[in-house]
Amino acid sequence: MKKLLSLVAIAMLSIFFSNGLSAKDNKAGVPLVCDTVLQAPGLTADQIYNNVKIWFANSMRSANDVIQLDDPASKHVIGKAAIPMNVKNMTWYCLTGHIRYKIDIAARDGRYRVIMSNFMHEAPKDGWSEGPVYVNGPNPEVKGLHKRQNSEMQKRALPLCIDAIASTIVSLQDTMAGNASATEDEW
């Protein structure tokens, strides 16, 4: 399973750098975004939409608190999620917190689009909230001494985000595959 997640993470990185960044975008300050279309052969948009709702219910602590938009007419669900960020190093302990992000899933017959964006570092009340997670280094708007802590957060947050993206994609695909063959009579 770890090998599969690593392969998916590498594939996702190649998607980021092939689709998300062009030569003119190689400057600092490109926010992390995953925008991919996944295939679900043999499933209708309604089945995919229902599977997405099941996925949210099973993957999140409370789907009611997570789902921000649920539109059955357009087969579109938008939710919010968080990744815990625990920093054990005493120097950077104040970076401990969460990385919150948005998951946007829209279904069509045989495929669905997953967009994960707005990755934001948030620390508890007594910590340092460092803002957006970037693909290529620290926030370009941060200057002076604060740039070092933002750079440290970026270095620690990006791998966490890539792992979360990869596991989300694998989990969604497993949900689609598992529910594609099941019928109401099989339980």
C-alpha atoms as a PDB file:
ATOM      1  CA  MET A   1       0.000   0.000   0.000  1.00  0.00           C
ATOM      2  CA  LYS A   2       2.861   2.396   0.834  1.00  0.00           C
ATOM      3  CA  LYS A   3       4.414   1.673  -2.532  1.00  0.00           C
ATOM      4  CA  LEU A   4       1.116   2.456  -4.261  1.00  0.00           C
ATOM      5  CA  LEU A   5       0.781   5.723  -2.328  1.00  0.00           C
ATOM      6  CA  SER A   6       4.347   6.658  -3.265  1.00  0.00           C
ATOM      7  CA  LEU A   7       3.639   5.979  -6.934  1.00  0.00           C
ATOM      8  CA  VAL A   8       0.449   8.023  -6.759  1.00  0.00           C
ATOM      9  CA  ALA A   9       2.327  10.845  -5.015  1.00  0.00           C
ATOM     10  CA  ILE A  10       4.955  10.844  -7.769  1.00  0.00           C
ATOM     11  CA  ALA A  11       2.223  10.825 -10.402  1.00  0.00           C
ATOM     12  CA  MET A  12       0.468  13.704  -8.635  1.00  0.00           C
ATOM     13  CA  LEU A  13       3.707  15.702  -8.531  1.00  0.00           C
ATOM     14  CA  SER A  14       4.133  15.162 -12.258  1.00  0.00           C
ATOM     15  CA  ILE A  15       0.543  16.361 -12.754  1.00  0.00           C
ATOM     16  CA  PHE A  16       1.296  19.500 -10.709  1.00  0.00           C
ATOM     17  CA  PHE A  17       4.400  20.322 -12.670  1.00  0.00           C
ATOM     18  CA  SER A  18       3.071  19.389 -16.097  1.00  0.00           C
ATOM     19  CA  ASN A  19      -0.433  20.868 -15.841  1.00  0.00           C
ATOM     20  CA  GLY A  20      -0.171  23.342 -12.986  1.00  0.00           C
ATOM     21  CA  LEU A  21       3.017  25.182 -13.862  1.00  0.00           C
ATOM     22  CA  SER A  22       4.188  26.600 -17.118  1.00  0.00           C
ATOM     23  CA  ALA A  23       7.546  28.200 -17.878  1.00  0.00           C
ATOM     24  CA  LYS A  24       6.234  31.655 -17.041  1.00  0.00           C
ATOM     25  CA  ASP A  25       4.987  30.394 -13.649  1.00  0.00           C
ATOM     26  CA  ASN A  26       8.388  29.244 -12.390  1.00  0.00           C
ATOM     27  CA  LYS A  27       8.567  32.296 -10.155  1.00  0.00           C
ATOM     28  CA  ALA A  28       8.036  32.078  -6.417  1.00  0.00           C
ATOM     29  CA  GLY A  29       4.571  31.928  -4.982  1.00  0.00           C
ATOM     30  CA  VAL A  30       2.656  29.228  -6.885  1.00  0.00           C
ATOM     31  CA  PRO A  31      -0.035  27.874  -4.535  1.00  0.00           C
ATOM     32  CA  LEU A  32      -0.457  24.110  -4.235  1.00  0.00           C
ATOM     33  CA  VAL A  33      -3.456  22.865  -6.253  1.00  0.00           C
ATOM     34  CA  CYS A  34      -4.458  19.390  -7.418  1.00  0.00           C
ATOM     35  CA  ASP A  35      -6.864  19.407 -10.367  1.00  0.00           C
ATOM     36  CA  THR A  36      -7.431  15.990 -11.901  1.00  0.00           C
ATOM     37  CA  VAL A  37     -10.114  14.023 -13.705  1.00  0.00           C
ATOM     38  CA  LEU A  38     -10.520  10.410 -12.597  1.00  0.00           C
ATOM     39  CA  GLN A  39     -12.260   7.722 -14.592  1.00  0.00           C
ATOM     40  CA  ALA A  40     -15.127   5.641 -13.204  1.00  0.00           C
ATOM     41  CA  PRO A  41     -16.043   3.359 -16.100  1.00  0.00           C
ATOM     42  CA  GLY A  42     -19.549   1.960 -15.990  1.00  0.00           C
ATOM     43  CA  LEU A  43     -20.818   4.406 -13.370  1.00  0.00           C
ATOM     44  CA  THR A  44     -23.443   7.052 -14.023  1.00  0.00           C
ATOM     45  CA  ALA A  45     -23.125  10.586 -12.688  1.00  0.00           C
ATOM     46  CA  ASP A  46     -25.764   9.731 -10.041  1.00  0.00           C
ATOM     47  CA  GLN A  47     -23.794   6.696  -8.856  1.00  0.00           C
ATOM     48  CA  ILE A  48     -20.559   8.690  -8.703  1.00  0.00           C
ATOM     49  CA  TYR A  49     -22.310  11.518  -6.832  1.00  0.00           C
ATOM     50  CA  ASN A  50     -23.735   9.028  -4.294  1.00  0.00           C
ATOM     51  CA  ASN A  51     -20.319   7.392  -3.895  1.00  0.00           C
ATOM     52  CA  VAL A  52     -18.746  10.804  -3.267  1.00  0.00           C
ATOM     53  CA  LYS A  53     -21.297  11.463  -0.516  1.00  0.00           C
ATOM     54  CA  ILE A  54     -20.540   8.028   0.971  1.00  0.00           C
ATOM     55  CA  TRP A  55     -16.826   8.812   0.771  1.00  0.00           C
ATOM     56  CA  PHE A  56     -17.283  12.112   2.636  1.00  0.00           C
ATOM     57  CA  ALA A  57     -19.388  10.360   5.299  1.00  0.00           C
ATOM     58  CA  ASN A  58     -16.821   7.581   5.795  1.00  0.00           C
ATOM     59  CA  SER A  59     -13.644   9.678   5.477  1.00  0.00           C
ATOM     60  CA  MET A  60     -14.489  12.664   7.646  1.00  0.00           C
ATOM     61  CA  ARG A  61     -15.399  12.793  11.316  1.00  0.00           C
ATOM     62  CA  SER A  62     -18.635  14.630  10.586  1.00  0.00           C
ATOM     63  CA  ALA A  63     -19.726  14.973   6.974  1.00  0.00           C
ATOM     64  CA  ASN A  64     -22.338  17.545   8.041  1.00  0.00           C
ATOM     65  CA  ASP A  65     -19.591  19.865   9.328  1.00  0.00           C
ATOM     66  CA  VAL A  66     -17.322  19.218   6.344  1.00  0.00           C
ATOM     67  CA  ILE A  67     -19.648  19.563   3.354  1.00  0.00           C
ATOM     68  CA  GLN A  68     -20.036  23.202   2.313  1.00  0.00           C
ATOM     69  CA  LEU A  69     -22.034  22.679  -0.904  1.00  0.00           C
ATOM     70  CA  ASP A  70     -24.142  19.699  -1.919  1.00  0.00           C
ATOM     71  CA  ASP A  71     -25.933  20.134  -5.243  1.00  0.00           C
ATOM     72  CA  PRO A  72     -27.667  16.940  -6.430  1.00  0.00           C
ATOM     73  CA  ALA A  73     -28.870  18.637  -9.646  1.00  0.00           C
ATOM     74  CA  SER A  74     -25.344  19.368 -10.897  1.00  0.00           C
ATOM     75  CA  LYS A  75     -23.758  16.359  -9.088  1.00  0.00           C
ATOM     76  CA  HIS A  76     -21.330  18.662  -7.294  1.00  0.00           C
ATOM     77  CA  VAL A  77     -19.996  18.441  -3.712  1.00  0.00           C
ATOM     78  CA  ILE A  78     -17.577  20.847  -2.049  1.00  0.00           C
ATOM     79  CA  GLY A  79     -16.111  20.145   1.360  1.00  0.00           C
ATOM     80  CA  LYS A  80     -13.355  21.259   3.691  1.00  0.00           C
ATOM     81  CA  ALA A  81     -10.741  19.041   5.293  1.00  0.00           C
ATOM     82  CA  ALA A  82      -7.706  19.386   7.540  1.00  0.00           C
ATOM     83  CA  ILE A  83      -4.362  17.670   7.926  1.00  0.00           C
ATOM     84  CA  PRO A  84      -2.751  17.706  11.375  1.00  0.00           C
ATOM     85  CA  MET A  85       0.744  19.165  11.414  1.00  0.00           C
ATOM     86  CA  ASN A  86       2.721  18.121  14.491  1.00  0.00           C
ATOM     87  CA  VAL A  87       6.191  19.585  14.841  1.00  0.00           C
ATOM     88  CA  LYS A  88       8.321  17.928  17.534  1.00  0.00           C
ATOM     89  CA  ASN A  89      11.372  20.164  17.075  1.00  0.00           C
ATOM     90  CA  MET A  90      11.469  22.688  19.938  1.00  0.00           C
ATOM     91  CA  THR A  91      12.612  25.519  17.663  1.00  0.00           C
ATOM     92  CA  TRP A  92       9.674  25.105  15.290  1.00  0.00           C
ATOM     93  CA  TYR A  93       7.073  23.745  17.732  1.00  0.00           C
ATOM     94  CA  CYS A  94       5.030  26.931  17.225  1.00  0.00           C
ATOM     95  CA  LEU A  95       4.268  25.703  13.681  1.00  0.00           C
ATOM     96  CA  THR A  96       2.185  22.831  15.096  1.00  0.00           C
ATOM     97  CA  GLY A  97      -1.410  23.156  13.916  1.00  0.00           C
ATOM     98  CA  HIS A  98      -3.428  22.138  10.853  1.00  0.00           C
ATOM     99  CA  ILE A  99      -3.343  22.567   7.124  1.00  0.00           C
ATOM    100  CA  ARG A 100      -6.897  23.223   6.013  1.00  0.00           C
ATOM    101  CA  TYR A 101      -7.962  22.807   2.393  1.00  0.00           C
ATOM    102  CA  LYS A 102     -10.959  22.578   0.073  1.00  0.00           C
ATOM    103  CA  ILE A 103     -12.088  19.457  -1.819  1.00  0.00           C
ATOM    104  CA  ASP A 104     -14.295  20.121  -4.859  1.00  0.00           C
ATOM    105  CA  ILE A 105     -15.752  17.059  -6.636  1.00  0.00           C
ATOM    106  CA  ALA A 106     -18.035  17.186  -9.687  1.00  0.00           C
ATOM    107  CA  ALA A 107     -19.446  14.050 -11.350  1.00  0.00           C
ATOM    108  CA  ARG A 108     -20.243  13.205 -14.962  1.00  0.00           C
ATOM    109  CA  ASP A 109     -21.102   9.839 -16.488  1.00  0.00           C
ATOM    110  CA  GLY A 110     -17.977   7.674 -16.302  1.00  0.00           C
ATOM    111  CA  ARG A 111     -15.705  10.296 -14.706  1.00  0.00           C
ATOM    112  CA  TYR A 112     -15.362  12.828 -11.924  1.00  0.00           C
ATOM    113  CA  ARG A 113     -13.189  15.884 -11.392  1.00  0.00           C
ATOM    114  CA  VAL A 114     -11.369  16.395  -8.102  1.00  0.00           C
ATOM    115  CA  ILE A 115      -9.910  19.783  -7.227  1.00  0.00           C
ATOM    116  CA  MET A 116      -8.025  20.176  -3.958  1.00  0.00           C
ATOM    117  CA  SER A 117      -6.977  23.757  -3.301  1.00  0.00           C
ATOM    118  CA  ASN A 118      -6.636  26.563  -0.752  1.00  0.00           C
ATOM    119  CA  PHE A 119      -4.090  24.699   1.390  1.00  0.00           C
ATOM    120  CA  MET A 120      -3.655  27.028   4.402  1.00  0.00           C
ATOM    121  CA  HIS A 121      -1.498  26.537   7.492  1.00  0.00           C
ATOM    122  CA  GLU A 122      -3.317  27.451  10.707  1.00  0.00           C
ATOM    123  CA  ALA A 123      -1.740  27.281  14.125  1.00  0.00           C
ATOM    124  CA  PRO A 124      -3.570  27.289  17.447  1.00  0.00           C
ATOM    125  CA  LYS A 125      -4.104  30.563  19.251  1.00  0.00           C
ATOM    126  CA  ASP A 126      -0.537  30.721  20.627  1.00  0.00           C
ATOM    127  CA  GLY A 127       1.233  29.569  17.425  1.00  0.00           C
ATOM    128  CA  TRP A 128       2.198  31.045  14.075  1.00  0.00           C
ATOM    129  CA  SER A 129      -0.305  30.715  11.232  1.00  0.00           C
ATOM    130  CA  GLU A 130       1.788  30.853   8.084  1.00  0.00           C
ATOM    131  CA  GLY A 131      -0.919  31.041   5.418  1.00  0.00           C
ATOM    132  CA  PRO A 132      -0.881  29.360   1.972  1.00  0.00           C
ATOM    133  CA  VAL A 133       1.222  26.323   1.100  1.00  0.00           C
ATOM    134  CA  TYR A 134       3.242  26.881  -2.063  1.00  0.00           C
ATOM    135  CA  VAL A 135       4.705  24.382  -4.524  1.00  0.00           C
ATOM    136  CA  ASN A 136       8.034  26.131  -4.836  1.00  0.00           C
ATOM    137  CA  GLY A 137       9.165  27.600  -1.545  1.00  0.00           C
ATOM    138  CA  PRO A 138       8.178  30.247   0.962  1.00  0.00           C
ATOM    139  CA  ASN A 139       5.502  32.865   0.582  1.00  0.00           C
ATOM    140  CA  PRO A 140       7.031  35.616  -1.596  1.00  0.00           C
ATOM    141  CA  GLU A 141       5.189  38.294   0.378  1.00  0.00           C
ATOM    142  CA  VAL A 142       6.940  37.368   3.639  1.00  0.00           C
ATOM    143  CA  LYS A 143      10.015  39.462   4.370  1.00  0.00           C
ATOM    144  CA  GLY A 144      12.698  39.682   7.026  1.00  0.00           C
ATOM    145  CA  LEU A 145      13.073  37.267   9.931  1.00  0.00           C
ATOM    146  CA  HIS A 146       9.584  35.860   9.413  1.00  0.00           C
ATOM    147  CA  LYS A 147      10.721  34.394   6.062  1.00  0.00           C
ATOM    148  CA  ARG A 148      12.747  31.669   7.822  1.00  0.00           C
ATOM    149  CA  GLN A 149       9.774  30.305   9.772  1.00  0.00           C
ATOM    150  CA  ASN A 150       7.573  30.471   6.666  1.00  0.00           C
ATOM    151  CA  SER A 151      10.230  28.567   4.731  1.00  0.00           C
ATOM    152  CA  GLU A 152      10.346  25.923   7.484  1.00  0.00           C
ATOM    153  CA  MET A 153       6.548  25.568   7.407  1.00  0.00           C
ATOM    154  CA  GLN A 154       6.588  25.181   3.604  1.00  0.00           C
ATOM    155  CA  LYS A 155       9.299  22.515   3.842  1.00  0.00           C
ATOM    156  CA  ARG A 156       7.257  20.532   6.405  1.00  0.00           C
ATOM    157  CA  ALA A 157       3.769  21.154   4.969  1.00  0.00           C
ATOM    158  CA  LEU A 158       4.293  20.260   1.296  1.00  0.00           C
ATOM    159  CA  PRO A 159       5.047  16.542   1.904  1.00  0.00           C
ATOM    160  CA  LEU A 160       2.036  16.305   4.250  1.00  0.00           C
ATOM    161  CA  CYS A 161      -0.188  17.861   1.593  1.00  0.00           C
ATOM    162  CA  ILE A 162       1.157  15.600  -1.175  1.00  0.00           C
ATOM    163  CA  ASP A 163       0.500  12.528   1.018  1.00  0.00           C
ATOM    164  CA  ALA A 164      -3.028  13.773   1.781  1.00  0.00           C
ATOM    165  CA  ILE A 165      -3.708  14.329  -1.924  1.00  0.00           C
ATOM    166  CA  ALA A 166      -2.427  10.870  -2.830  1.00  0.00           C
ATOM    167  CA  SER A 167      -4.392   9.121  -0.085  1.00  0.00           C
ATOM    168  CA  THR A 168      -7.546  11.070  -1.000  1.00  0.00           C
ATOM    169  CA  ILE A 169      -7.261  10.023  -4.646  1.00  0.00           C
ATOM    170  CA  VAL A 170      -6.643   6.377  -3.702  1.00  0.00           C
ATOM    171  CA  SER A 171      -9.508   6.430  -1.200  1.00  0.00           C
ATOM    172  CA  LEU A 172     -11.914   7.946  -3.734  1.00  0.00           C
ATOM    173  CA  GLN A 173     -10.918   5.391  -6.361  1.00  0.00           C
ATOM    174  CA  ASP A 174     -11.384   2.557  -3.838  1.00  0.00           C
ATOM    175  CA  THR A 175     -14.844   3.887  -2.993  1.00  0.00           C
ATOM    176  CA  MET A 176     -15.779   4.048  -6.667  1.00  0.00           C
ATOM    177  CA  ALA A 177     -14.451   0.543  -7.351  1.00  0.00           C
ATOM    178  CA  GLY A 178     -16.060  -0.956  -4.260  1.00  0.00           C
ATOM    179  CA  ASN A 179     -19.448   0.567  -4.887  1.00  0.00           C
ATOM    180  CA  ALA A 180     -19.390   0.005  -8.638  1.00  0.00           C
ATOM    181  CA  SER A 181     -19.971  -3.735  -8.308  1.00  0.00           C
ATOM    182  CA  ALA A 182     -22.121  -3.795  -5.174  1.00  0.00           C
ATOM    183  CA  THR A 183     -25.852  -3.990  -5.336  1.00  0.00           C
ATOM    184  CA  GLU A 184     -28.457  -3.591  -2.644  1.00  0.00           C
ATOM    185  CA  ASP A 185     -28.939  -7.385  -2.453  1.00  0.00           C
ATOM    186  CA  GLU A 186     -25.301  -8.164  -1.572  1.00  0.00           C
ATOM    187  CA  TRP A 187     -25.279  -6.848   1.954  1.00  0.00           C
END
